[in-house]
C-alpha atoms as a PDB file:
ATOM      1  CA  MET A   1     -23.127 -19.884 -20.986  1.00  0.00           C
ATOM      2  CA  LYS A   2     -23.843 -18.814 -17.444  1.00  0.00           C
ATOM      3  CA  LYS A   3     -21.746 -21.515 -16.077  1.00  0.00           C
ATOM      4  CA  VAL A   4     -18.892 -19.786 -18.152  1.00  0.00           C
ATOM      5  CA  ILE A   5     -19.695 -16.769 -17.323  1.00  0.00           C
ATOM      6  CA  LEU A   6     -20.147 -16.974 -13.043  1.00  0.00           C
ATOM      7  CA  THR A   7     -16.706 -19.248 -13.482  1.00  0.00           C
ATOM      8  CA  VAL A   8     -14.863 -15.870 -15.328  1.00  0.00           C
ATOM      9  CA  PHE A   9     -16.433 -13.590 -12.865  1.00  0.00           C
ATOM     10  CA  LEU A  10     -15.829 -15.727  -9.637  1.00  0.00           C
ATOM     11  CA  VAL A  11     -12.144 -15.975 -10.375  1.00  0.00           C
ATOM     12  CA  LEU A  12     -12.000 -12.468 -11.520  1.00  0.00           C
ATOM     13  CA  ALA A  13     -13.238 -12.066  -8.035  1.00  0.00           C
ATOM     14  CA  LEU A  14     -11.016 -14.395  -6.073  1.00  0.00           C
ATOM     15  CA  THR A  15      -8.130 -12.513  -8.126  1.00  0.00           C
ATOM     16  CA  VAL A  16      -8.977  -9.129  -6.759  1.00  0.00           C
ATOM     17  CA  SER A  17      -9.242 -10.499  -3.134  1.00  0.00           C
ATOM     18  CA  ALA A  18      -6.081 -12.493  -3.060  1.00  0.00           C
ATOM     19  CA  LYS A  19      -4.411  -9.324  -4.470  1.00  0.00           C
ATOM     20  CA  ALA A  20      -5.902  -7.249  -1.621  1.00  0.00           C
ATOM     21  CA  GLU A  21      -5.259 -10.090   0.852  1.00  0.00           C
ATOM     22  CA  THR A  22      -1.404  -9.866  -0.279  1.00  0.00           C
ATOM     23  CA  MET A  23      -1.061  -6.107   0.983  1.00  0.00           C
ATOM     24  CA  VAL A  24      -0.725  -5.066   4.660  1.00  0.00           C
ATOM     25  CA  SER A  25       0.541  -2.193   6.111  1.00  0.00           C
ATOM     26  CA  ILE A  26       2.960  -0.847   9.351  1.00  0.00           C
ATOM     27  CA  ASN A  27       1.089  -0.660  12.532  1.00  0.00           C
ATOM     28  CA  GLY A  28       3.422   1.570  14.771  1.00  0.00           C
ATOM     29  CA  PRO A  29       5.396   4.680  14.395  1.00  0.00           C
ATOM     30  CA  LYS A  30       8.767   2.845  14.104  1.00  0.00           C
ATOM     31  CA  VAL A  31       9.301  -0.474  13.138  1.00  0.00           C
ATOM     32  CA  ASN A  32      12.285  -2.736  12.245  1.00  0.00           C
ATOM     33  CA  MET A  33      12.476  -4.677   8.494  1.00  0.00           C
ATOM     34  CA  ARG A  34      15.080  -7.110   9.136  1.00  0.00           C
ATOM     35  CA  SER A  35      16.936  -9.591   7.010  1.00  0.00           C
ATOM     36  CA  GLY A  36      15.256 -13.168   8.315  1.00  0.00           C
ATOM     37  CA  PRO A  37      11.853 -14.321  10.450  1.00  0.00           C
ATOM     38  CA  GLY A  38      13.532 -13.288  14.056  1.00  0.00           C
ATOM     39  CA  THR A  39      15.065 -11.037  16.366  1.00  0.00           C
ATOM     40  CA  SER A  40      18.173 -12.227  15.758  1.00  0.00           C
ATOM     41  CA  PHE A  41      18.433 -11.355  12.262  1.00  0.00           C
ATOM     42  CA  SER A  42      19.780  -7.898  11.430  1.00  0.00           C
ATOM     43  CA  VAL A  43      17.653  -4.826  10.775  1.00  0.00           C
ATOM     44  CA  LEU A  44      17.255  -3.866   7.780  1.00  0.00           C
ATOM     45  CA  TRP A  45      16.036  -0.365   7.925  1.00  0.00           C
ATOM     46  CA  GLU A  46      12.946   1.169   9.951  1.00  0.00           C
ATOM     47  CA  LEU A  47       9.506   2.149   8.657  1.00  0.00           C
ATOM     48  CA  GLY A  48       6.994   4.505   9.622  1.00  0.00           C
ATOM     49  CA  ASP A  49       3.469   3.879  10.565  1.00  0.00           C
ATOM     50  CA  GLY A  50       1.069   3.113   7.084  1.00  0.00           C
ATOM     51  CA  PHE A  51       3.814   2.220   5.019  1.00  0.00           C
ATOM     52  CA  PRO A  52       2.380  -0.577   2.485  1.00  0.00           C
ATOM     53  CA  LEU A  53       4.188  -3.863   1.935  1.00  0.00           C
ATOM     54  CA  LYS A  54       3.262  -6.715  -0.593  1.00  0.00           C
ATOM     55  CA  ILE A  55       3.726 -10.015   1.331  1.00  0.00           C
ATOM     56  CA  VAL A  56       5.525 -12.893  -0.911  1.00  0.00           C
ATOM     57  CA  GLY A  57       5.913 -15.391   1.834  1.00  0.00           C
ATOM     58  CA  SER A  58       5.098 -16.294   5.406  1.00  0.00           C
ATOM     59  CA  LYS A  59       7.661 -18.504   7.796  1.00  0.00           C
ATOM     60  CA  GLY A  60       5.810 -18.429  11.683  1.00  0.00           C
ATOM     61  CA  ASP A  61       4.910 -15.269  13.025  1.00  0.00           C
ATOM     62  CA  TRP A  62       6.784 -13.464   9.895  1.00  0.00           C
ATOM     63  CA  TYR A  63       5.832 -11.862   6.817  1.00  0.00           C
ATOM     64  CA  LYS A  64       8.437 -12.074   3.944  1.00  0.00           C
ATOM     65  CA  VAL A  65       7.380  -8.332   2.542  1.00  0.00           C
ATOM     66  CA  GLU A  66       8.466  -6.056  -0.649  1.00  0.00           C
ATOM     67  CA  ASP A  67       8.072  -2.377  -1.044  1.00  0.00           C
ATOM     68  CA  PHE A  68       7.534  -0.205  -3.480  1.00  0.00           C
ATOM     69  CA  GLU A  69      11.482  -0.371  -4.847  1.00  0.00           C
ATOM     70  CA  GLY A  70      11.054  -4.226  -4.861  1.00  0.00           C
ATOM     71  CA  ASP A  71      13.408  -4.234  -1.671  1.00  0.00           C
ATOM     72  CA  GLY A  72      12.780  -7.238   1.285  1.00  0.00           C
ATOM     73  CA  GLY A  73      12.852  -7.973   4.471  1.00  0.00           C
ATOM     74  CA  TRP A  74      10.568  -9.587   7.234  1.00  0.00           C
ATOM     75  CA  ILE A  75       8.391  -8.108   9.157  1.00  0.00           C
ATOM     76  CA  GLU A  76       6.841  -9.539  12.465  1.00  0.00           C
ATOM     77  CA  LYS A  77       3.174 -10.447  11.920  1.00  0.00           C
ATOM     78  CA  SER A  78       1.741  -8.373  14.810  1.00  0.00           C
ATOM     79  CA  LEU A  79       3.486  -5.423  13.606  1.00  0.00           C
ATOM     80  CA  VAL A  80       1.207  -5.133  10.558  1.00  0.00           C
ATOM     81  CA  HIS A  81      -2.693  -4.181   9.846  1.00  0.00           C
ATOM     82  CA  ARG A  82      -4.974  -4.590   6.456  1.00  0.00           C
ATOM     83  CA  ASP A  83      -5.918  -0.548   6.326  1.00  0.00           C
ATOM     84  CA  PRO A  84      -4.864   0.236   2.974  1.00  0.00           C
ATOM     85  CA  HIS A  85      -2.223   2.748   2.154  1.00  0.00           C
ATOM     86  CA  MET A  86      -0.509   4.119  -0.464  1.00  0.00           C
ATOM     87  CA  ILE A  87       3.179   5.278  -1.231  1.00  0.00           C
ATOM     88  CA  VAL A  88       4.337   7.930  -3.833  1.00  0.00           C
ATOM     89  CA  LYS A  89       6.388   7.037  -5.987  1.00  0.00           C
ATOM     90  CA  LYS A  90       6.979  10.075  -8.312  1.00  0.00           C
ATOM     91  CA  GLN A  91       9.460  12.730  -7.391  1.00  0.00           C
ATOM     92  CA  ARG A  92       6.585  14.928  -6.994  1.00  0.00           C
ATOM     93  CA  ILE A  93       3.268  15.137  -7.484  1.00  0.00           C
ATOM     94  CA  ASN A  94      -0.562  16.653  -7.113  1.00  0.00           C
ATOM     95  CA  VAL A  95      -3.033  16.304  -5.002  1.00  0.00           C
ATOM     96  CA  ARG A  96      -6.329  17.351  -6.537  1.00  0.00           C
ATOM     97  CA  SER A  97      -9.793  18.244  -5.040  1.00  0.00           C
ATOM     98  CA  GLY A  98     -11.683  15.779  -7.097  1.00  0.00           C
ATOM     99  CA  PRO A  99     -10.864  12.995  -8.807  1.00  0.00           C
ATOM    100  CA  GLY A 100      -9.248  14.258 -12.427  1.00  0.00           C
ATOM    101  CA  GLU A 101      -6.703  17.022 -13.742  1.00  0.00           C
ATOM    102  CA  GLY A 102      -9.741  19.504 -14.248  1.00  0.00           C
ATOM    103  CA  TYR A 103      -9.610  20.054 -10.352  1.00  0.00           C
ATOM    104  CA  ARG A 104      -7.677  22.554  -8.165  1.00  0.00           C
ATOM    105  CA  ILE A 105      -4.172  21.196  -6.895  1.00  0.00           C
ATOM    106  CA  VAL A 106      -4.890  21.387  -3.122  1.00  0.00           C
ATOM    107  CA  GLY A 107      -1.473  20.163  -2.182  1.00  0.00           C
ATOM    108  CA  LYS A 108       1.762  18.137  -2.985  1.00  0.00           C
ATOM    109  CA  ALA A 109       3.582  15.288  -2.098  1.00  0.00           C
ATOM    110  CA  ASN A 110       7.211  13.905  -2.728  1.00  0.00           C
ATOM    111  CA  TYR A 111       8.458  10.595  -3.334  1.00  0.00           C
ATOM    112  CA  GLY A 112       8.065   8.203  -0.324  1.00  0.00           C
ATOM    113  CA  VAL A 113       4.971   9.784   1.215  1.00  0.00           C
ATOM    114  CA  VAL A 114       2.648   7.875   2.842  1.00  0.00           C
ATOM    115  CA  PHE A 115      -1.054   8.626   2.476  1.00  0.00           C
ATOM    116  CA  LYS A 116      -4.114   6.583   3.911  1.00  0.00           C
ATOM    117  CA  THR A 117      -6.422   5.486   0.883  1.00  0.00           C
ATOM    118  CA  LEU A 118      -9.949   6.719   1.616  1.00  0.00           C
ATOM    119  CA  LYS A 119     -11.812   5.754  -1.733  1.00  0.00           C
ATOM    120  CA  GLN A 120     -10.274   4.598  -5.289  1.00  0.00           C
ATOM    121  CA  LYS A 121     -12.585   5.865  -8.675  1.00  0.00           C
ATOM    122  CA  ASN A 122     -11.603   5.711 -12.225  1.00  0.00           C
ATOM    123  CA  GLY A 123      -8.256   5.316 -11.882  1.00  0.00           C
ATOM    124  CA  TRP A 124      -8.262   8.062  -9.017  1.00  0.00           C
ATOM    125  CA  VAL A 125      -7.129   7.496  -5.100  1.00  0.00           C
ATOM    126  CA  LYS A 126      -8.790   9.701  -2.474  1.00  0.00           C
ATOM    127  CA  VAL A 127      -6.321   9.515  -0.416  1.00  0.00           C
ATOM    128  CA  LYS A 128      -5.089  11.286   3.422  1.00  0.00           C
ATOM    129  CA  HIS A 129      -2.035  12.189   4.946  1.00  0.00           C
ATOM    130  CA  GLU A 130      -1.352  12.488   8.655  1.00  0.00           C
ATOM    131  CA  ASN A 131      -0.784  15.859   8.860  1.00  0.00           C
ATOM    132  CA  GLY A 132      -3.987  16.530   7.029  1.00  0.00           C
ATOM    133  CA  LEU A 133      -3.842  16.980   3.139  1.00  0.00           C
ATOM    134  CA  ALA A 134      -6.729  15.029   1.632  1.00  0.00           C
ATOM    135  CA  GLY A 135      -7.545  14.610  -2.047  1.00  0.00           C
ATOM    136  CA  TRP A 136      -7.335  13.132  -4.729  1.00  0.00           C
ATOM    137  CA  VAL A 137      -4.438  11.261  -6.765  1.00  0.00           C
ATOM    138  CA  THR A 138      -3.812   9.667 -10.091  1.00  0.00           C
ATOM    139  CA  ARG A 139      -3.549   5.630  -9.150  1.00  0.00           C
ATOM    140  CA  SER A 140      -0.427   5.527 -11.704  1.00  0.00           C
ATOM    141  CA  LEU A 141       1.544   7.776  -9.387  1.00  0.00           C
ATOM    142  CA  LEU A 142       1.081   5.779  -6.362  1.00  0.00           C
ATOM    143  CA  TRP A 143       1.799   2.037  -4.993  1.00  0.00           C
ATOM    144  CA  GLY A 144       0.303   0.298  -2.527  1.00  0.00           C
ATOM    145  CA  TRP A 145      -3.340  -0.755  -2.069  1.00  0.00           C
END
């Protein structure tokens, strides 16, 4: 029985670790997402600092990635980092002073706004925006890590 529990624990731990390892964030104010793995491929769009992406493949020095809308492209590996960030996936959300709906609203954020992830607790995420706004948001309103 102990072996079964240990095996289940290890599988769960590896699954959580693997999920975190499949996410990256843009490292720079303007980074081009391309249609293929190289600078000769067309630019699909420009992404800003902290924008979270899911790695779905790689080729050489490039990651094949998807964003929170499921759109894909290629990013050079040197232009991303492992600092966790989240992006707002709803039209307009509340940022609260604590991890729960009973806490006061300290700000609001619109669809597509990127936050640095500071902490996660019971379905809530403590986030901070580059403009200084910090607080808690329900995890279900965000995408990232």
